[in-house]
N, C-alpha and C. Protein backbone atom coordinates (compact mmCIF):
# COMPACT_ATOMS: atom_id res chain seq x y z
N MET A 1 13.55 -19.13 38.75
CA MET A 1 12.77 -19.93 37.83
C MET A 1 13.47 -19.94 36.49
N ARG A 2 13.50 -21.10 35.89
CA ARG A 2 14.04 -21.22 34.55
C ARG A 2 12.97 -21.77 33.63
N ALA A 3 13.03 -21.33 32.37
CA ALA A 3 12.07 -21.83 31.39
C ALA A 3 12.75 -22.01 30.04
N VAL A 4 12.36 -23.07 29.37
CA VAL A 4 12.71 -23.28 27.98
C VAL A 4 11.40 -23.04 27.23
N VAL A 5 11.41 -22.05 26.34
CA VAL A 5 10.21 -21.67 25.60
C VAL A 5 10.42 -22.01 24.14
N GLN A 6 9.50 -22.79 23.58
CA GLN A 6 9.60 -23.21 22.19
C GLN A 6 8.36 -22.76 21.42
N ARG A 7 8.59 -22.12 20.28
CA ARG A 7 7.49 -21.74 19.40
C ARG A 7 7.07 -23.01 18.65
N VAL A 8 5.78 -23.32 18.69
CA VAL A 8 5.32 -24.58 18.10
C VAL A 8 4.14 -24.39 17.15
N ALA A 9 4.06 -25.31 16.19
CA ALA A 9 2.90 -25.38 15.30
C ALA A 9 1.77 -26.14 15.99
N GLU A 10 2.16 -27.09 16.85
CA GLU A 10 1.21 -27.85 17.67
C GLU A 10 1.99 -28.64 18.70
N ALA A 11 1.30 -29.03 19.77
CA ALA A 11 1.97 -29.81 20.83
C ALA A 11 0.92 -30.51 21.68
N SER A 12 1.37 -31.60 22.30
CA SER A 12 0.48 -32.32 23.22
C SER A 12 1.33 -33.01 24.28
N VAL A 13 0.67 -33.38 25.36
CA VAL A 13 1.33 -34.11 26.44
C VAL A 13 0.42 -35.26 26.86
N LYS A 14 1.05 -36.42 27.04
CA LYS A 14 0.34 -37.62 27.48
C LYS A 14 0.87 -38.10 28.81
N VAL A 15 -0.03 -38.66 29.61
CA VAL A 15 0.32 -39.32 30.86
C VAL A 15 -0.37 -40.69 30.83
N ALA A 16 0.42 -41.74 31.00
CA ALA A 16 -0.09 -43.12 30.94
C ALA A 16 -0.88 -43.37 29.66
N GLY A 17 -0.38 -42.82 28.54
CA GLY A 17 -1.00 -43.04 27.25
C GLY A 17 -2.21 -42.17 26.95
N GLU A 18 -2.64 -41.36 27.89
CA GLU A 18 -3.82 -40.51 27.71
C GLU A 18 -3.40 -39.05 27.52
N CYS A 19 -3.95 -38.42 26.48
CA CYS A 19 -3.66 -37.00 26.23
C CYS A 19 -4.31 -36.16 27.32
N VAL A 20 -3.49 -35.40 28.05
CA VAL A 20 -4.01 -34.55 29.14
C VAL A 20 -3.92 -33.06 28.80
N GLY A 21 -3.21 -32.73 27.71
CA GLY A 21 -3.10 -31.34 27.29
C GLY A 21 -2.69 -31.26 25.84
N ARG A 22 -3.29 -30.29 25.11
CA ARG A 22 -2.99 -30.16 23.69
C ARG A 22 -3.21 -28.71 23.27
N ILE A 23 -2.32 -28.21 22.40
CA ILE A 23 -2.50 -26.89 21.82
C ILE A 23 -2.19 -26.94 20.33
N ASP A 24 -2.70 -25.95 19.62
CA ASP A 24 -2.28 -25.74 18.24
C ASP A 24 -1.15 -24.72 18.29
N VAL A 25 -1.14 -23.73 17.44
CA VAL A 25 -0.07 -22.74 17.38
C VAL A 25 0.11 -22.05 18.74
N GLY A 26 1.36 -21.94 19.15
CA GLY A 26 1.63 -21.27 20.42
C GLY A 26 3.00 -21.58 20.95
N LEU A 27 3.06 -21.74 22.27
CA LEU A 27 4.32 -21.96 22.96
C LEU A 27 4.26 -23.19 23.85
N VAL A 28 5.33 -23.98 23.83
CA VAL A 28 5.53 -25.01 24.85
C VAL A 28 6.55 -24.43 25.81
N VAL A 29 6.20 -24.46 27.10
CA VAL A 29 7.08 -23.93 28.13
C VAL A 29 7.42 -25.05 29.10
N LEU A 30 8.72 -25.34 29.22
CA LEU A 30 9.23 -26.28 30.22
C LEU A 30 9.70 -25.41 31.38
N LEU A 31 9.06 -25.52 32.53
CA LEU A 31 9.31 -24.61 33.64
C LEU A 31 9.91 -25.34 34.83
N GLY A 32 11.03 -24.81 35.32
CA GLY A 32 11.68 -25.34 36.51
C GLY A 32 11.67 -24.31 37.62
N VAL A 33 11.29 -24.72 38.82
CA VAL A 33 11.22 -23.82 39.97
C VAL A 33 12.40 -24.13 40.89
N GLU A 34 13.16 -23.08 41.25
CA GLU A 34 14.35 -23.22 42.08
C GLU A 34 14.07 -22.88 43.54
N LYS A 35 14.90 -23.40 44.41
CA LYS A 35 14.86 -22.99 45.81
C LYS A 35 14.99 -21.48 45.86
N GLY A 36 14.20 -20.83 46.70
CA GLY A 36 14.26 -19.39 46.83
C GLY A 36 13.37 -18.63 45.87
N ASP A 37 12.75 -19.32 44.91
CA ASP A 37 11.83 -18.64 44.01
C ASP A 37 10.60 -18.19 44.78
N SER A 38 9.96 -17.14 44.28
CA SER A 38 8.83 -16.51 44.98
C SER A 38 7.74 -16.17 43.98
N PRO A 39 6.61 -15.67 44.47
CA PRO A 39 5.56 -15.22 43.55
C PRO A 39 6.04 -14.17 42.55
N GLN A 40 7.06 -13.40 42.92
CA GLN A 40 7.60 -12.40 41.99
C GLN A 40 8.26 -13.09 40.78
N ASP A 41 8.86 -14.25 41.00
CA ASP A 41 9.45 -14.99 39.89
C ASP A 41 8.35 -15.48 38.94
N ALA A 42 7.24 -15.94 39.49
CA ALA A 42 6.11 -16.39 38.66
C ALA A 42 5.53 -15.21 37.88
N GLU A 43 5.46 -14.05 38.50
CA GLU A 43 4.97 -12.84 37.82
C GLU A 43 5.90 -12.48 36.66
N TYR A 44 7.19 -12.49 36.93
CA TYR A 44 8.18 -12.17 35.89
C TYR A 44 8.04 -13.15 34.72
N MET A 45 7.99 -14.45 35.03
CA MET A 45 7.91 -15.46 33.97
C MET A 45 6.63 -15.32 33.15
N SER A 46 5.51 -15.13 33.81
CA SER A 46 4.25 -15.04 33.08
C SER A 46 4.25 -13.81 32.17
N GLU A 47 4.80 -12.70 32.65
CA GLU A 47 4.87 -11.49 31.83
C GLU A 47 5.79 -11.71 30.61
N LYS A 48 6.95 -12.31 30.85
CA LYS A 48 7.89 -12.57 29.75
C LYS A 48 7.30 -13.54 28.73
N ILE A 49 6.71 -14.63 29.20
CA ILE A 49 6.16 -15.63 28.30
C ILE A 49 5.04 -15.03 27.45
N ALA A 50 4.13 -14.32 28.07
CA ALA A 50 2.99 -13.73 27.34
C ALA A 50 3.44 -12.67 26.35
N GLY A 51 4.49 -11.93 26.67
CA GLY A 51 4.90 -10.82 25.83
C GLY A 51 6.06 -11.10 24.89
N LEU A 52 6.63 -12.29 24.96
CA LEU A 52 7.79 -12.63 24.14
C LEU A 52 7.44 -12.54 22.66
N ARG A 53 8.13 -11.66 21.95
CA ARG A 53 7.81 -11.41 20.53
C ARG A 53 8.65 -12.33 19.64
N ILE A 54 8.14 -13.54 19.43
CA ILE A 54 8.88 -14.53 18.64
C ILE A 54 8.05 -15.12 17.50
N PHE A 55 6.92 -14.46 17.19
CA PHE A 55 6.09 -14.89 16.06
C PHE A 55 6.21 -13.85 14.95
N ALA A 56 6.16 -14.31 13.72
CA ALA A 56 6.38 -13.45 12.56
C ALA A 56 5.20 -12.51 12.30
N ASP A 57 5.55 -11.27 11.92
CA ASP A 57 4.54 -10.30 11.48
C ASP A 57 4.42 -10.39 9.96
N ASP A 58 3.74 -9.41 9.34
CA ASP A 58 3.54 -9.41 7.89
C ASP A 58 4.84 -9.31 7.09
N GLN A 59 5.88 -8.72 7.70
CA GLN A 59 7.19 -8.61 7.04
C GLN A 59 8.12 -9.77 7.40
N ASP A 60 7.56 -10.81 7.99
CA ASP A 60 8.30 -12.00 8.39
C ASP A 60 9.37 -11.70 9.44
N ARG A 61 9.12 -10.71 10.28
CA ARG A 61 10.02 -10.39 11.39
C ARG A 61 9.40 -10.88 12.70
N MET A 62 10.24 -11.34 13.60
CA MET A 62 9.74 -11.76 14.91
C MET A 62 9.32 -10.50 15.67
N ASN A 63 8.03 -10.23 15.60
CA ASN A 63 7.52 -8.98 16.15
C ASN A 63 6.23 -9.17 16.94
N LEU A 64 5.69 -10.37 16.96
CA LEU A 64 4.40 -10.61 17.59
C LEU A 64 4.53 -11.61 18.75
N SER A 65 3.69 -11.41 19.74
CA SER A 65 3.67 -12.32 20.90
C SER A 65 2.61 -13.39 20.70
N VAL A 66 2.61 -14.36 21.59
CA VAL A 66 1.58 -15.41 21.56
C VAL A 66 0.20 -14.79 21.76
N LEU A 67 0.11 -13.73 22.54
CA LEU A 67 -1.16 -13.01 22.70
C LEU A 67 -1.59 -12.38 21.39
N ASP A 68 -0.64 -11.74 20.69
CA ASP A 68 -0.94 -11.06 19.44
C ASP A 68 -1.51 -12.00 18.38
N ILE A 69 -1.03 -13.23 18.36
CA ILE A 69 -1.46 -14.17 17.31
C ILE A 69 -2.64 -15.04 17.75
N GLY A 70 -3.10 -14.87 19.00
CA GLY A 70 -4.20 -15.70 19.49
C GLY A 70 -3.79 -17.13 19.75
N GLY A 71 -2.52 -17.33 20.09
CA GLY A 71 -2.01 -18.67 20.35
C GLY A 71 -2.26 -19.13 21.77
N SER A 72 -1.79 -20.32 22.08
CA SER A 72 -1.96 -20.94 23.39
C SER A 72 -0.61 -21.32 23.97
N VAL A 73 -0.64 -21.74 25.23
CA VAL A 73 0.57 -22.19 25.92
C VAL A 73 0.34 -23.59 26.45
N LEU A 74 1.31 -24.47 26.23
CA LEU A 74 1.34 -25.77 26.90
C LEU A 74 2.46 -25.70 27.92
N MET A 75 2.08 -25.67 29.20
CA MET A 75 3.04 -25.50 30.30
C MET A 75 3.33 -26.86 30.93
N ILE A 76 4.61 -27.20 30.99
CA ILE A 76 5.06 -28.47 31.54
C ILE A 76 6.03 -28.19 32.69
N SER A 77 5.73 -28.70 33.86
CA SER A 77 6.65 -28.58 34.98
C SER A 77 7.81 -29.54 34.74
N GLN A 78 9.06 -29.01 34.81
CA GLN A 78 10.20 -29.87 34.51
C GLN A 78 11.41 -29.45 35.32
N PHE A 79 11.59 -30.11 36.47
CA PHE A 79 12.71 -29.76 37.35
C PHE A 79 14.06 -30.10 36.73
N THR A 80 14.09 -30.98 35.73
CA THR A 80 15.39 -31.40 35.18
C THR A 80 16.12 -30.28 34.45
N ILE A 81 15.44 -29.20 34.08
CA ILE A 81 16.16 -28.09 33.45
C ILE A 81 17.01 -27.33 34.46
N LEU A 82 16.86 -27.69 35.74
CA LEU A 82 17.69 -27.10 36.79
C LEU A 82 18.92 -27.95 37.08
N GLY A 83 19.09 -29.04 36.35
CA GLY A 83 20.21 -29.94 36.57
C GLY A 83 21.56 -29.25 36.42
N ASP A 84 22.42 -29.46 37.38
CA ASP A 84 23.76 -28.87 37.38
C ASP A 84 24.75 -29.98 37.03
N VAL A 85 25.44 -29.82 35.91
CA VAL A 85 26.39 -30.85 35.47
C VAL A 85 27.83 -30.30 35.43
N ARG A 86 28.08 -29.27 36.20
CA ARG A 86 29.43 -28.71 36.21
C ARG A 86 30.44 -29.68 36.78
N ARG A 87 30.01 -30.53 37.70
CA ARG A 87 30.92 -31.53 38.29
C ARG A 87 30.38 -32.91 37.97
N GLY A 88 31.18 -33.69 37.34
CA GLY A 88 30.77 -35.06 37.02
C GLY A 88 29.86 -35.12 35.81
N ARG A 89 29.21 -36.27 35.66
CA ARG A 89 28.36 -36.50 34.50
C ARG A 89 26.90 -36.69 34.87
N ARG A 90 26.64 -36.93 36.14
CA ARG A 90 25.26 -37.09 36.57
C ARG A 90 24.76 -35.75 37.08
N PRO A 91 23.61 -35.28 36.59
CA PRO A 91 23.09 -33.98 37.03
C PRO A 91 22.75 -33.98 38.51
N SER A 92 23.02 -32.86 39.14
CA SER A 92 22.61 -32.62 40.52
C SER A 92 21.38 -31.71 40.48
N PHE A 93 20.39 -32.06 41.26
CA PHE A 93 19.16 -31.28 41.29
C PHE A 93 18.95 -30.59 42.63
N THR A 94 20.04 -30.31 43.32
CA THR A 94 19.94 -29.72 44.66
C THR A 94 19.36 -28.31 44.65
N ASP A 95 19.40 -27.62 43.51
CA ASP A 95 18.83 -26.28 43.43
C ASP A 95 17.33 -26.27 43.14
N ALA A 96 16.77 -27.43 42.84
CA ALA A 96 15.33 -27.49 42.56
C ALA A 96 14.54 -27.29 43.85
N ALA A 97 13.43 -26.57 43.73
CA ALA A 97 12.57 -26.31 44.89
C ALA A 97 11.89 -27.60 45.34
N GLU A 98 11.51 -27.62 46.60
CA GLU A 98 10.72 -28.74 47.12
C GLU A 98 9.41 -28.82 46.34
N PRO A 99 8.86 -30.02 46.16
CA PRO A 99 7.67 -30.20 45.33
C PRO A 99 6.48 -29.29 45.70
N GLU A 100 6.25 -29.05 46.98
CA GLU A 100 5.10 -28.24 47.38
C GLU A 100 5.24 -26.81 46.85
N LEU A 101 6.42 -26.21 47.03
CA LEU A 101 6.66 -24.86 46.53
C LEU A 101 6.65 -24.84 45.01
N ALA A 102 7.29 -25.81 44.41
CA ALA A 102 7.35 -25.86 42.95
C ALA A 102 5.95 -25.94 42.35
N ASP A 103 5.09 -26.78 42.90
CA ASP A 103 3.72 -26.92 42.39
C ASP A 103 2.96 -25.61 42.57
N GLU A 104 3.11 -24.98 43.73
CA GLU A 104 2.41 -23.72 44.01
C GLU A 104 2.81 -22.64 43.00
N LEU A 105 4.11 -22.48 42.74
CA LEU A 105 4.56 -21.43 41.84
C LEU A 105 4.28 -21.78 40.37
N TYR A 106 4.34 -23.05 40.03
CA TYR A 106 3.96 -23.52 38.69
C TYR A 106 2.50 -23.17 38.43
N GLU A 107 1.63 -23.49 39.38
CA GLU A 107 0.20 -23.18 39.22
C GLU A 107 -0.04 -21.68 39.20
N GLN A 108 0.72 -20.92 39.98
CA GLN A 108 0.56 -19.47 39.96
C GLN A 108 0.93 -18.91 38.59
N CYS A 109 1.99 -19.41 38.01
CA CYS A 109 2.40 -18.98 36.68
C CYS A 109 1.28 -19.27 35.66
N ASN A 110 0.67 -20.44 35.76
CA ASN A 110 -0.44 -20.79 34.87
C ASN A 110 -1.61 -19.83 35.06
N ARG A 111 -1.97 -19.54 36.32
CA ARG A 111 -3.07 -18.61 36.60
C ARG A 111 -2.79 -17.23 36.02
N LEU A 112 -1.56 -16.75 36.20
CA LEU A 112 -1.20 -15.43 35.71
C LEU A 112 -1.25 -15.36 34.18
N LEU A 113 -0.83 -16.43 33.52
CA LEU A 113 -0.94 -16.47 32.06
C LEU A 113 -2.40 -16.43 31.62
N ARG A 114 -3.25 -17.15 32.32
CA ARG A 114 -4.69 -17.14 32.00
C ARG A 114 -5.28 -15.75 32.24
N LEU A 115 -4.86 -15.09 33.32
CA LEU A 115 -5.33 -13.73 33.60
C LEU A 115 -4.90 -12.75 32.51
N ARG A 116 -3.81 -13.04 31.84
CA ARG A 116 -3.34 -12.21 30.74
C ARG A 116 -4.10 -12.51 29.44
N GLY A 117 -5.03 -13.46 29.48
CA GLY A 117 -5.86 -13.76 28.33
C GLY A 117 -5.45 -14.97 27.52
N LEU A 118 -4.50 -15.74 28.01
CA LEU A 118 -4.04 -16.91 27.26
C LEU A 118 -4.77 -18.18 27.66
N THR A 119 -4.95 -19.07 26.69
CA THR A 119 -5.41 -20.43 26.96
C THR A 119 -4.17 -21.22 27.35
N VAL A 120 -4.23 -21.88 28.50
CA VAL A 120 -3.08 -22.64 29.00
C VAL A 120 -3.49 -24.09 29.22
N ALA A 121 -2.82 -24.98 28.51
CA ALA A 121 -2.97 -26.42 28.75
C ALA A 121 -1.76 -26.84 29.58
N THR A 122 -1.91 -27.91 30.34
CA THR A 122 -0.82 -28.34 31.21
C THR A 122 -0.65 -29.85 31.18
N GLY A 123 0.52 -30.24 31.66
CA GLY A 123 0.74 -31.64 31.97
C GLY A 123 0.23 -31.88 33.38
N ILE A 124 0.72 -32.94 34.01
CA ILE A 124 0.35 -33.24 35.39
C ILE A 124 1.63 -33.18 36.22
N PHE A 125 1.60 -32.34 37.24
CA PHE A 125 2.77 -32.11 38.07
C PHE A 125 3.28 -33.42 38.64
N ARG A 126 4.58 -33.67 38.54
CA ARG A 126 5.30 -34.83 39.04
C ARG A 126 4.96 -36.15 38.33
N ALA A 127 4.22 -36.08 37.24
CA ALA A 127 3.89 -37.30 36.50
C ALA A 127 4.98 -37.58 35.47
N ASP A 128 5.05 -38.84 35.05
CA ASP A 128 5.91 -39.22 33.93
C ASP A 128 5.14 -38.86 32.67
N MET A 129 5.65 -37.88 31.92
CA MET A 129 4.91 -37.35 30.77
C MET A 129 5.67 -37.58 29.48
N GLN A 130 4.92 -37.68 28.40
CA GLN A 130 5.48 -37.74 27.06
C GLN A 130 4.97 -36.50 26.32
N VAL A 131 5.91 -35.62 25.96
CA VAL A 131 5.57 -34.38 25.28
C VAL A 131 5.91 -34.52 23.81
N GLN A 132 4.96 -34.19 22.98
CA GLN A 132 5.15 -34.25 21.54
C GLN A 132 4.92 -32.85 20.99
N LEU A 133 5.84 -32.39 20.12
CA LEU A 133 5.67 -31.05 19.58
C LEU A 133 6.30 -30.93 18.22
N ILE A 134 5.81 -29.94 17.49
CA ILE A 134 6.44 -29.54 16.24
C ILE A 134 6.98 -28.15 16.48
N ASN A 135 8.30 -28.08 16.67
CA ASN A 135 8.97 -26.80 16.95
C ASN A 135 8.99 -26.02 15.64
N ASP A 136 8.40 -24.84 15.66
CA ASP A 136 8.26 -24.02 14.47
C ASP A 136 9.43 -23.06 14.35
N GLY A 137 10.24 -23.27 13.35
CA GLY A 137 11.38 -22.38 13.10
C GLY A 137 12.67 -23.14 12.83
N PRO A 138 13.24 -23.81 13.76
CA PRO A 138 12.88 -23.89 15.18
C PRO A 138 13.25 -22.60 15.92
N VAL A 139 12.40 -22.26 16.88
CA VAL A 139 12.66 -21.12 17.75
C VAL A 139 12.59 -21.62 19.18
N THR A 140 13.69 -21.47 19.91
CA THR A 140 13.77 -21.88 21.31
C THR A 140 14.47 -20.77 22.08
N ILE A 141 13.84 -20.31 23.18
CA ILE A 141 14.36 -19.22 24.00
C ILE A 141 14.50 -19.72 25.43
N LEU A 142 15.60 -19.33 26.09
CA LEU A 142 15.81 -19.65 27.49
C LEU A 142 15.51 -18.43 28.34
N LEU A 143 14.74 -18.61 29.41
CA LEU A 143 14.43 -17.53 30.35
C LEU A 143 14.89 -17.93 31.74
N ASP A 144 15.36 -16.96 32.51
CA ASP A 144 15.79 -17.20 33.88
C ASP A 144 15.43 -15.98 34.70
N SER A 145 14.54 -16.14 35.67
CA SER A 145 14.09 -15.00 36.47
C SER A 145 15.19 -14.44 37.36
N ARG A 146 16.28 -15.14 37.51
CA ARG A 146 17.39 -14.66 38.34
C ARG A 146 18.42 -13.88 37.53
N LYS A 147 18.26 -13.88 36.24
CA LYS A 147 19.20 -13.15 35.38
C LYS A 147 18.48 -11.94 34.79
N LEU A 148 18.07 -11.04 35.66
CA LEU A 148 17.29 -9.89 35.24
C LEU A 148 18.14 -8.79 34.64
N PHE A 149 19.40 -8.70 35.04
CA PHE A 149 20.23 -7.60 34.56
C PHE A 149 21.54 -8.11 34.02
């Protein structure tokens, strides 16, 4: 599983012109599910996302998590972050999981974040979405459940 995590002042996602998810301060997570990913990858991602200390404390140091600040998560399923462009100019998405598995693990990640006490807004799986955000910092972190060590 790969994720692009952005610290935001606010964010929203629209489908067919209608807002389907919105958060104030928190994280926007673009999540890609790869072939071979498992529930353990969703567990790893949810733990990392919830505990990632990228919000400022009283000394203006990145020392607080989204949980610590009472923030929310806007989770967007996005297989394109798995695009491989090492050969040629058109991305190959052969490493992306089949839609059924990807949806299952995406939803599991959302459930696990909610179980950790976070409010999670989402887009719509496989929909054409327009994501709007104000990246705070900017702070952007890349996570990969396969790069544990």
